[in-house]
């Protein structure tokens, strides 16, 4: 029987892709954007807002919790709701006009500021930071990278992070904190307060940070069930069904995994939210379909590749699918998939984006990775300029500029496993050569044309505390190439 269980970060060698549109993944919202997508989260179709922004952000709004008990304990603080603009490389940006407390309509982040400030932020993956959680600490919500643009971080006095825990039980015994990456080192800092929906943290400095929790008792989690249908030429009905916590980091990881699959998938819009415990679950269907594996665990363990059910039906819809606790037979979620849910209404979207790019005359190295990623299938005659991969000489330049953070870079940004890192250190005594070999493994593990200087820069930028001289050197390489 096929096992679709998730793979840990250290065991996985697959690449972390940029959050951009792909020909391999279709979305029903039909939002067309020249910028990369932000979170890859999905939401209940009946509750998706259409904010007044430069680019529609409706698909980035996380699902609203369905827990009536939690609604009773969530505090309504009268925060001013603000809608951010989406900018390049999966980042959001919002202008806060003055002193006050503001809530982001997309991520649920709450910012308390002392004066007018421009804030830029993005959702990160816990798969890059979960290795730093020790002593029974677990992640409790999305991890973010937040920055005050051209302003001191002291203007941002506090941040409230959304969490996915159910706090309706008055006997719940848990301690909230945040994991804060300071100078490339993980630091657990105390929270100021928490409510039924948020964890408040007093800002000490700005770098990757997210809410974590310790609990002496099992706690319920607000979860989501995400359904994706394989798009095939024949009339087959094959689905992937994922379980996740109701937080943008988890949902983003799943979206990226589906988007980077070797097949195209359509997100099936169904109310996704439910309560999930750290137990095993099985999937039931009417009529009976071919479901693999027999059951899956729901876990808060940080994994880069998520486990999923694979479901196949021989006959056309409707199908009723239900998620059931293996031990108790309790149904925690169900939905009916109808014929209309399986229709791809966005089949022309990749060609439309391709045509836009055919009219562009820009061939700079900075833009080519985005163009190549979005036009991965070039069978329609679209021609892209081949940019050479980063050279060994350039990799050595970068290696010599790295500092003590290079091991974190290798695992967190270059996707090397701990074993690969140990092998490199065992085979090379010189530290510069160890750093070079780590970068070289990143290069050799990528397809031709996907290991340029720009690709390396984009990978390393995910680590906020990387020495500025490394980033400057890579940017200079790009600028010099563009000037040729």
Protein backbone atom coordinates (compact mmCIF):
# COMPACT_ATOMS: atom_id res chain seq x y z
CA UNK A 1 0.00 0.00 0.00
CA UNK A 2 1.31 3.43 -0.91
CA UNK A 3 2.38 5.54 2.06
CA UNK A 4 2.09 9.29 1.67
CA UNK A 5 3.42 10.19 5.11
CA UNK A 6 5.41 13.40 5.37
CA UNK A 7 9.19 13.59 5.22
CA UNK A 8 11.24 15.46 7.80
CA UNK A 9 13.24 18.51 6.86
CA UNK A 10 16.56 16.76 7.31
CA UNK A 11 15.52 13.76 5.22
CA UNK A 12 14.14 15.77 2.36
CA UNK A 13 16.34 17.00 -0.45
CA UNK A 14 13.63 18.52 -2.59
CA UNK A 15 13.97 22.19 -3.40
CA UNK A 16 12.03 24.93 -1.68
CA UNK A 17 10.42 26.77 -4.58
CA UNK A 18 9.64 30.46 -4.81
CA UNK A 19 6.00 31.42 -4.23
CA UNK A 20 5.11 32.08 -7.84
CA UNK A 21 2.38 31.01 -10.23
CA UNK A 22 3.11 27.78 -12.06
CA UNK A 23 1.75 26.02 -15.12
CA UNK A 24 1.54 22.92 -12.94
CA UNK A 25 -1.15 24.25 -10.61
CA UNK A 26 -4.54 25.79 -11.30
CA UNK A 27 -6.59 27.84 -8.87
CA UNK A 28 -10.29 28.51 -9.11
CA UNK A 29 -10.06 32.10 -7.98
CA UNK A 30 -8.58 33.10 -11.32
CA UNK A 31 -6.55 35.92 -9.78
CA UNK A 32 -3.96 37.03 -12.30
CA UNK A 33 -0.83 38.66 -10.99
CA UNK A 34 2.58 39.61 -12.25
CA UNK A 35 3.91 39.23 -8.71
CA UNK A 36 4.62 35.99 -6.82
CA UNK A 37 1.85 34.65 -4.58
CA UNK A 38 2.26 35.22 -0.87
CA UNK A 39 0.99 32.41 1.23
CA UNK A 40 -0.72 29.85 -0.89
CA UNK A 41 -3.42 29.63 1.76
CA UNK A 42 -6.96 28.71 0.91
CA UNK A 43 -10.22 29.85 2.30
CA UNK A 44 -13.91 29.15 2.38
CA UNK A 45 -15.27 30.45 -0.86
CA UNK A 46 -18.28 32.03 0.77
CA UNK A 47 -16.16 34.12 3.14
CA UNK A 48 -13.36 35.31 0.88
CA UNK A 49 -13.22 39.11 0.83
CA UNK A 50 -12.15 41.11 -2.19
CA UNK A 51 -10.05 43.91 -0.70
CA UNK A 52 -9.43 47.12 -2.55
CA UNK A 53 -5.74 46.63 -3.33
CA UNK A 54 -3.45 46.77 -6.30
CA UNK A 55 -3.58 42.99 -6.55
CA UNK A 56 -6.44 40.89 -5.20
CA UNK A 57 -5.39 39.13 -2.01
CA UNK A 58 -8.55 37.11 -1.49
CA UNK A 59 -6.86 33.76 -1.90
CA UNK A 60 -4.28 34.65 0.75
CA UNK A 61 -6.82 35.01 3.56
CA UNK A 62 -6.55 32.01 5.94
CA UNK A 63 -9.76 30.10 6.70
CA UNK A 64 -11.80 31.53 9.55
CA UNK A 65 -12.01 29.26 12.64
CA UNK A 66 -15.32 27.42 12.93
CA UNK A 67 -15.08 26.92 16.70
CA UNK A 68 -18.03 28.53 18.48
CA UNK A 69 -16.41 27.95 21.88
CA UNK A 70 -13.33 29.90 20.86
CA UNK A 71 -15.38 32.79 19.54
CA UNK A 72 -16.67 33.28 23.07
CA UNK A 73 -13.18 33.73 24.52
CA UNK A 74 -11.64 35.71 21.67
CA UNK A 75 -11.18 39.34 22.59
CA UNK A 76 -12.50 42.01 20.27
CA UNK A 77 -10.00 44.80 20.69
CA UNK A 78 -11.31 47.25 18.11
CA UNK A 79 -8.14 47.21 16.04
CA UNK A 80 -8.16 49.20 12.82
CA UNK A 81 -8.35 46.74 9.91
CA UNK A 82 -5.82 47.43 7.13
CA UNK A 83 -5.36 45.75 3.76
CA UNK A 84 -1.77 45.33 2.58
CA UNK A 85 -0.39 45.45 -0.93
CA UNK A 86 1.45 42.46 -2.31
CA UNK A 87 4.97 43.12 -3.57
CA UNK A 88 7.68 40.93 -5.08
CA UNK A 89 9.04 37.72 -3.62
CA UNK A 90 5.98 36.86 -1.59
CA UNK A 91 6.03 39.92 0.65
CA UNK A 92 3.21 42.12 1.91
CA UNK A 93 3.52 45.82 2.62
CA UNK A 94 1.23 48.17 4.50
CA UNK A 95 1.45 51.87 5.31
CA UNK A 96 0.29 52.62 8.87
CA UNK A 97 -0.64 56.29 9.07
CA UNK A 98 0.01 57.03 12.72
CA UNK A 99 0.11 55.84 16.32
CA UNK A 100 -2.34 53.03 16.97
CA UNK A 101 -3.09 49.31 16.71
CA UNK A 102 -3.74 47.82 13.27
CA UNK A 103 -4.78 44.35 12.15
CA UNK A 104 -3.77 42.91 8.77
CA UNK A 105 -6.83 41.62 6.91
CA UNK A 106 -4.73 38.98 5.13
CA UNK A 107 -2.52 37.39 7.81
CA UNK A 108 -4.27 38.36 11.05
CA UNK A 109 -1.09 40.00 12.36
CA UNK A 110 -1.73 42.90 14.75
CA UNK A 111 0.80 45.77 14.78
CA UNK A 112 1.06 48.34 17.57
CA UNK A 113 3.05 51.38 16.39
CA UNK A 114 4.06 54.68 17.94
CA UNK A 115 4.08 56.74 14.73
CA UNK A 116 3.62 56.60 10.97
CA UNK A 117 5.58 53.69 9.48
CA UNK A 118 5.77 51.44 6.42
CA UNK A 119 5.86 47.75 7.38
CA UNK A 120 6.93 44.91 5.12
CA UNK A 121 6.36 41.28 6.10
CA UNK A 122 6.04 37.74 4.77
CA UNK A 123 5.01 34.28 5.92
CA UNK A 124 7.90 31.84 6.35
CA UNK A 125 8.01 28.06 6.60
CA UNK A 126 8.52 26.40 9.98
CA UNK A 127 10.44 23.67 8.14
CA UNK A 128 13.43 26.02 8.18
CA UNK A 129 13.20 26.84 11.88
CA UNK A 130 11.49 23.90 13.57
CA UNK A 131 14.87 22.29 14.24
CA UNK A 132 15.42 24.95 16.90
CA UNK A 133 12.38 23.95 18.99
CA UNK A 134 13.49 21.99 22.05
CA UNK A 135 12.12 20.88 25.44
CA UNK A 136 8.56 20.14 24.27
CA UNK A 137 8.08 23.54 22.64
CA UNK A 138 5.77 23.35 19.60
CA UNK A 139 4.90 25.94 16.99
CA UNK A 140 1.51 27.55 17.67
CA UNK A 141 0.95 29.71 14.59
CA UNK A 142 2.67 31.05 11.47
CA UNK A 143 6.24 32.33 11.60
CA UNK A 144 6.81 35.73 9.98
CA UNK A 145 9.60 37.98 8.85
CA UNK A 146 8.70 41.60 9.68
CA UNK A 147 10.60 44.78 8.89
CA UNK A 148 10.08 48.52 9.31
CA UNK A 149 11.08 50.05 5.97
CA UNK A 150 13.65 52.84 6.40
CA UNK A 151 12.60 53.26 10.04
CA UNK A 152 13.89 52.02 13.40
CA UNK A 153 12.27 48.86 14.73
CA UNK A 154 11.43 50.69 17.97
CA UNK A 155 8.47 52.32 16.18
CA UNK A 156 6.84 48.88 16.13
CA UNK A 157 6.23 48.36 19.85
CA UNK A 158 4.37 45.03 19.78
CA UNK A 159 3.13 42.34 17.43
CA UNK A 160 0.23 39.97 18.02
CA UNK A 161 0.59 36.67 16.18
CA UNK A 162 -2.46 34.56 15.27
CA UNK A 163 -2.43 31.05 16.77
CA UNK A 164 -4.41 27.90 15.95
CA UNK A 165 -4.98 26.48 19.46
CA UNK A 166 -8.44 26.04 20.98
CA UNK A 167 -8.41 27.80 24.36
CA UNK A 168 -12.06 27.26 25.22
CA UNK A 169 -11.12 24.75 27.95
CA UNK A 170 -10.60 26.77 31.17
CA UNK A 171 -8.37 24.00 32.55
CA UNK A 172 -5.88 24.30 29.70
CA UNK A 173 -2.37 24.61 31.09
CA UNK A 174 -0.07 26.11 28.50
CA UNK A 175 2.75 28.60 28.24
CA UNK A 176 3.12 30.84 25.20
CA UNK A 177 6.41 32.32 24.00
CA UNK A 178 7.94 33.20 20.65
CA UNK A 179 10.90 31.77 18.77
CA UNK A 180 13.02 34.71 17.65
CA UNK A 181 16.01 34.29 15.32
CA UNK A 182 18.54 36.89 16.54
CA UNK A 183 21.94 37.09 14.86
CA UNK A 184 21.32 33.67 13.28
CA UNK A 185 20.74 32.17 16.73
CA UNK A 186 17.38 30.89 18.07
CA UNK A 187 16.13 32.69 21.18
CA UNK A 188 12.93 31.85 23.05
CA UNK A 189 11.43 35.11 24.32
CA UNK A 190 8.40 35.45 26.62
CA UNK A 191 5.07 36.69 25.36
CA UNK A 192 3.31 39.65 26.96
CA UNK A 193 -0.20 38.23 26.81
CA UNK A 194 -2.44 35.91 24.82
CA UNK A 195 -6.11 35.71 23.87
CA UNK A 196 -8.29 33.11 22.19
CA UNK A 197 -6.83 34.06 18.83
CA UNK A 198 -3.47 35.86 19.29
CA UNK A 199 -0.14 35.81 21.15
CA UNK A 200 1.26 39.25 21.98
CA UNK A 201 5.00 39.90 21.89
CA UNK A 202 6.94 43.03 22.81
CA UNK A 203 9.28 43.75 19.90
CA UNK A 204 12.97 43.52 20.82
CA UNK A 205 14.34 43.50 17.26
CA UNK A 206 13.05 42.48 13.85
CA UNK A 207 13.94 39.14 12.24
CA UNK A 208 12.08 35.83 11.79
CA UNK A 209 9.72 35.30 14.74
CA UNK A 210 6.69 33.14 15.46
CA UNK A 211 4.52 31.94 18.38
CA UNK A 212 5.32 28.69 20.20
CA UNK A 213 3.65 26.87 23.10
CA UNK A 214 4.34 24.37 25.88
CA UNK A 215 1.48 22.39 27.39
CA UNK A 216 1.30 19.73 30.09
CA UNK A 217 -1.98 18.38 28.66
CA UNK A 218 -3.19 17.51 25.15
CA UNK A 219 -4.86 20.49 23.50
CA UNK A 220 -7.25 20.79 20.58
CA UNK A 221 -6.13 22.50 17.42
CA UNK A 222 -8.02 24.40 14.78
CA UNK A 223 -7.23 22.47 11.64
CA UNK A 224 -8.04 22.45 7.94
CA UNK A 225 -8.69 19.76 5.35
CA UNK A 226 -7.46 20.82 1.91
CA UNK A 227 -8.67 19.07 -1.25
CA UNK A 228 -6.89 19.17 -4.62
CA UNK A 229 -8.07 17.44 -7.81
CA UNK A 230 -5.59 16.17 -10.39
CA UNK A 231 -6.17 17.73 -13.79
CA UNK A 232 -5.82 15.03 -16.45
CA UNK A 233 -6.68 14.73 -20.14
CA UNK A 234 -9.01 11.80 -19.50
CA UNK A 235 -12.04 11.95 -17.25
CA UNK A 236 -10.32 10.54 -14.17
CA UNK A 237 -11.13 11.63 -10.65
CA UNK A 238 -7.98 11.53 -8.55
CA UNK A 239 -7.52 13.74 -5.49
CA UNK A 240 -4.96 14.69 -2.85
CA UNK A 241 -6.43 15.47 0.57
CA UNK A 242 -4.17 17.10 3.18
CA UNK A 243 -4.55 17.67 6.94
CA UNK A 244 -2.93 20.76 8.43
CA UNK A 245 -3.13 23.26 11.25
CA UNK A 246 -5.11 26.38 10.43
CA UNK A 247 -2.08 28.60 9.98
CA UNK A 248 -0.51 30.25 6.96
CA UNK A 249 2.91 28.59 7.33
CA UNK A 250 1.47 25.07 7.09
CA UNK A 251 -0.97 25.99 4.32
CA UNK A 252 1.80 27.69 2.37
CA UNK A 253 3.99 24.56 2.59
CA UNK A 254 1.15 22.40 1.25
CA UNK A 255 0.36 24.84 -1.54
CA UNK A 256 4.01 24.84 -2.63
CA UNK A 257 4.19 21.05 -2.48
CA UNK A 258 1.11 20.69 -4.69
CA UNK A 259 2.24 23.42 -7.07
CA UNK A 260 5.64 21.79 -7.51
CA UNK A 261 4.20 18.32 -8.20
CA UNK A 262 4.76 16.86 -11.64
CA UNK A 263 1.03 17.03 -12.33
CA UNK A 264 -1.44 19.92 -12.44
CA UNK A 265 -3.93 20.26 -9.61
CA UNK A 266 -7.08 22.26 -9.00
CA UNK A 267 -7.99 23.37 -5.48
CA UNK A 268 -11.50 22.22 -4.65
CA UNK A 269 -13.23 24.91 -2.62
CA UNK A 270 -14.91 23.33 0.40
CA UNK A 271 -15.32 24.64 3.96
CA UNK A 272 -11.97 23.41 5.31
CA UNK A 273 -11.96 24.09 9.05
CA UNK A 274 -12.36 21.45 11.74
CA UNK A 275 -10.95 20.38 15.12
CA UNK A 276 -7.92 18.09 14.99
CA UNK A 277 -6.04 16.33 17.80
CA UNK A 278 -2.67 14.64 17.54
CA UNK A 279 -4.23 11.32 16.58
CA UNK A 280 -4.58 9.10 13.53
CA UNK A 281 -7.35 9.72 11.02
CA UNK A 282 -8.82 7.76 8.14
CA UNK A 283 -10.77 8.95 5.13
CA UNK A 284 -14.15 7.48 4.18
CA UNK A 285 -16.02 8.01 0.92
CA UNK A 286 -19.44 7.43 -0.63
CA UNK A 287 -19.37 5.80 -3.12
CA UNK A 288 -16.35 3.79 -2.08
CA UNK A 289 -13.12 4.94 -3.69
CA UNK A 290 -9.55 3.73 -3.70
CA UNK A 291 -7.96 5.52 -0.72
CA UNK A 292 -4.29 5.32 0.23
CA UNK A 293 -2.89 5.11 2.88
CA UNK A 294 -5.44 3.51 5.21
CA UNK A 295 -4.89 6.24 7.80
CA UNK A 296 -2.63 9.21 8.53
CA UNK A 297 -1.39 10.84 11.74
CA UNK A 298 -2.10 14.49 12.39
CA UNK A 299 1.06 15.83 13.97
CA UNK A 300 2.63 19.14 14.94
CA UNK A 301 6.07 17.79 14.07
CA UNK A 302 7.73 20.17 11.62
CA UNK A 303 7.93 18.54 8.20
CA UNK A 304 8.85 20.00 4.86
CA UNK A 305 6.84 17.49 2.83
CA UNK A 306 3.34 16.95 4.16
CA UNK A 307 1.47 13.66 4.31
CA UNK A 308 -1.72 13.34 2.31
CA UNK A 309 -4.48 10.89 1.32
CA UNK A 310 -4.60 9.91 -2.33
CA UNK A 311 -8.16 9.16 -3.45
CA UNK A 312 -9.30 7.73 -6.79
CA UNK A 313 -12.86 7.24 -8.08
CA UNK A 314 -13.76 5.33 -11.24
CA UNK A 315 -17.19 6.93 -11.62
CA UNK A 316 -18.05 10.65 -11.94
CA UNK A 317 -19.20 12.87 -9.02
CA UNK A 318 -20.85 13.45 -6.63
CA UNK A 319 -18.56 12.02 -3.94
CA UNK A 320 -18.98 12.43 -0.21
CA UNK A 321 -15.70 12.29 1.71
CA UNK A 322 -15.43 12.24 5.51
CA UNK A 323 -12.50 12.45 7.90
CA UNK A 324 -12.86 10.08 10.85
CA UNK A 325 -10.80 9.56 14.00
CA UNK A 326 -9.33 6.06 13.66
CA UNK A 327 -9.67 5.24 17.35
CA UNK A 328 -13.15 6.61 18.10
CA UNK A 329 -14.83 6.53 14.65
CA UNK A 330 -15.89 10.14 15.26
CA UNK A 331 -16.43 12.17 12.09
CA UNK A 332 -14.63 15.51 12.36
CA UNK A 333 -15.07 16.81 8.80
CA UNK A 334 -17.07 15.97 5.68
CA UNK A 335 -17.78 17.50 2.30
CA UNK A 336 -19.50 16.60 -0.95
CA UNK A 337 -17.52 17.01 -4.16
CA UNK A 338 -19.79 17.75 -7.11
CA UNK A 339 -19.21 17.86 -10.85
CA UNK A 340 -18.89 21.65 -10.84
CA UNK A 341 -16.10 21.46 -8.26
CA UNK A 342 -13.97 19.44 -10.67
CA UNK A 343 -14.12 21.84 -13.61
CA UNK A 344 -11.02 23.89 -14.34
CA UNK A 345 -12.15 27.37 -15.32
CA UNK A 346 -8.62 28.75 -15.53
CA UNK A 347 -7.14 26.64 -18.33
CA UNK A 348 -6.31 29.76 -20.36
CA UNK A 349 -4.49 31.49 -17.52
CA UNK A 350 -0.95 30.17 -18.28
CA UNK A 351 -1.26 31.14 -21.96
CA UNK A 352 -2.51 34.60 -21.04
CA UNK A 353 0.47 35.16 -18.76
CA UNK A 354 2.80 33.78 -21.43
CA UNK A 355 1.45 36.20 -24.02
CA UNK A 356 2.07 39.11 -21.65
CA UNK A 357 5.65 38.01 -21.29
CA UNK A 358 6.16 37.65 -25.03
CA UNK A 359 5.58 41.37 -25.33
CA UNK A 360 8.27 42.12 -22.74
CA UNK A 361 11.71 43.09 -23.99
CA UNK A 362 13.42 42.75 -20.61
CA UNK A 363 16.07 40.04 -20.49
CA UNK A 364 17.93 41.01 -17.35
CA UNK A 365 19.11 38.18 -15.11
CA UNK A 366 17.04 39.60 -12.26
CA UNK A 367 13.79 38.93 -14.13
CA UNK A 368 14.61 35.77 -16.05
CA UNK A 369 14.06 33.28 -13.18
CA UNK A 370 10.49 34.54 -12.73
CA UNK A 371 9.82 34.35 -16.46
CA UNK A 372 11.29 30.91 -16.79
CA UNK A 373 9.38 29.62 -13.80
CA UNK A 374 6.06 30.90 -15.11
CA UNK A 375 6.75 29.61 -18.64
CA UNK A 376 8.09 26.22 -17.63
CA UNK A 377 6.29 24.61 -20.58
CA UNK A 378 7.73 26.23 -23.65
CA UNK A 379 5.92 24.04 -26.16
CA UNK A 380 3.97 27.06 -27.39
CA UNK A 381 7.12 28.56 -28.84
CA UNK A 382 7.99 31.03 -26.09
CA UNK A 383 11.70 31.65 -26.13
CA UNK A 384 13.71 32.57 -23.05
CA UNK A 385 17.33 33.65 -22.85
CA UNK A 386 19.56 31.11 -21.12
CA UNK A 387 21.43 32.61 -18.17
CA UNK A 388 24.54 30.66 -17.12
CA UNK A 389 24.58 28.98 -13.75
CA UNK A 390 26.75 30.41 -10.99
CA UNK A 391 30.41 29.50 -11.54
CA UNK A 392 32.73 27.69 -9.13
CA UNK A 393 34.76 30.88 -8.83
CA UNK A 394 31.68 32.83 -7.78
CA UNK A 395 30.71 30.12 -5.28
CA UNK A 396 34.16 30.34 -3.71
CA UNK A 397 33.79 34.13 -3.40
CA UNK A 398 30.55 33.63 -1.50
CA UNK A 399 32.01 30.82 0.63
CA UNK A 400 34.88 33.03 1.83
CA UNK A 401 32.43 35.76 2.91
CA UNK A 402 30.25 33.49 5.02
CA UNK A 403 30.66 33.37 8.77
CA UNK A 404 29.57 31.10 11.59
CA UNK A 405 26.04 31.01 10.18
CA UNK A 406 27.08 28.86 7.19
CA UNK A 407 25.73 25.60 8.65
CA UNK A 408 22.35 27.19 9.24
CA UNK A 409 22.50 28.50 5.67
CA UNK A 410 23.28 25.01 4.35
CA UNK A 411 20.29 23.42 6.08
CA UNK A 412 17.83 26.30 6.11
CA UNK A 413 18.49 27.89 2.71
CA UNK A 414 20.33 25.35 0.57
CA UNK A 415 18.21 22.38 1.73
CA UNK A 416 21.16 20.16 2.65
CA UNK A 417 20.52 17.40 5.17
CA UNK A 418 22.48 16.96 8.39
CA UNK A 419 24.10 13.86 6.90
CA UNK A 420 25.29 15.78 3.85
CA UNK A 421 26.73 18.43 6.15
CA UNK A 422 28.53 15.78 8.21
CA UNK A 423 29.93 14.19 5.04
CA UNK A 424 31.28 17.54 3.85
CA UNK A 425 32.94 18.28 7.18
CA UNK A 426 34.45 14.79 7.31
CA UNK A 427 35.94 15.07 3.82
CA UNK A 428 37.26 18.64 4.07
CA UNK A 429 39.34 20.14 6.88
CA UNK A 430 39.46 23.69 5.51
CA UNK A 431 36.37 25.67 6.57
CA UNK A 432 36.28 27.69 3.35
CA UNK A 433 36.23 24.45 1.36
CA UNK A 434 33.44 23.11 3.56
CA UNK A 435 31.36 26.19 2.80
CA UNK A 436 32.22 25.91 -0.90
CA UNK A 437 31.22 22.23 -1.03
CA UNK A 438 27.86 23.05 0.59
CA UNK A 439 27.20 25.69 -2.06
CA UNK A 440 28.39 23.32 -4.79
CA UNK A 441 25.95 20.63 -3.63
CA UNK A 442 23.15 23.19 -3.87
CA UNK A 443 24.20 23.94 -7.45
CA UNK A 444 24.55 20.33 -8.61
CA UNK A 445 21.19 19.45 -7.06
CA UNK A 446 19.31 21.93 -9.26
CA UNK A 447 18.37 21.64 -12.94
CA UNK A 448 20.36 23.54 -15.55
CA UNK A 449 19.26 27.16 -15.66
CA UNK A 450 17.92 27.00 -12.09
CA UNK A 451 21.24 27.62 -10.31
CA UNK A 452 22.08 31.15 -11.45
CA UNK A 453 23.45 33.87 -9.21
CA UNK A 454 19.92 35.21 -8.88
CA UNK A 455 18.60 31.83 -7.75
CA UNK A 456 21.36 31.66 -5.14
CA UNK A 457 20.54 35.16 -3.95
CA UNK A 458 16.85 34.32 -3.63
CA UNK A 459 17.68 31.19 -1.63
CA UNK A 460 20.05 33.00 0.74
CA UNK A 461 17.69 35.94 1.25
CA UNK A 462 15.42 33.63 3.22
CA UNK A 463 17.93 33.93 6.08
CA UNK A 464 17.48 37.45 7.40
CA UNK A 465 20.70 37.53 9.41
CA UNK A 466 23.00 36.62 6.53
CA UNK A 467 26.03 38.97 6.45
CA UNK A 468 25.26 42.01 4.30
CA UNK A 469 28.57 41.59 2.44
CA UNK A 470 27.34 38.24 1.04
CA UNK A 471 24.14 39.77 -0.29
CA UNK A 472 26.00 42.78 -1.66
CA UNK A 473 28.52 40.58 -3.48
CA UNK A 474 25.74 38.54 -5.11
CA UNK A 475 23.84 41.67 -6.07
CA UNK A 476 27.02 43.12 -7.60
CA UNK A 477 27.43 39.93 -9.64
CA UNK A 478 23.89 40.33 -10.96
CA UNK A 479 24.34 44.04 -11.72
CA UNK A 480 27.62 43.42 -13.54
CA UNK A 481 26.02 40.68 -15.63
CA UNK A 482 23.07 42.91 -16.54
CA UNK A 483 25.46 45.68 -17.60
CA UNK A 484 27.31 43.43 -20.07
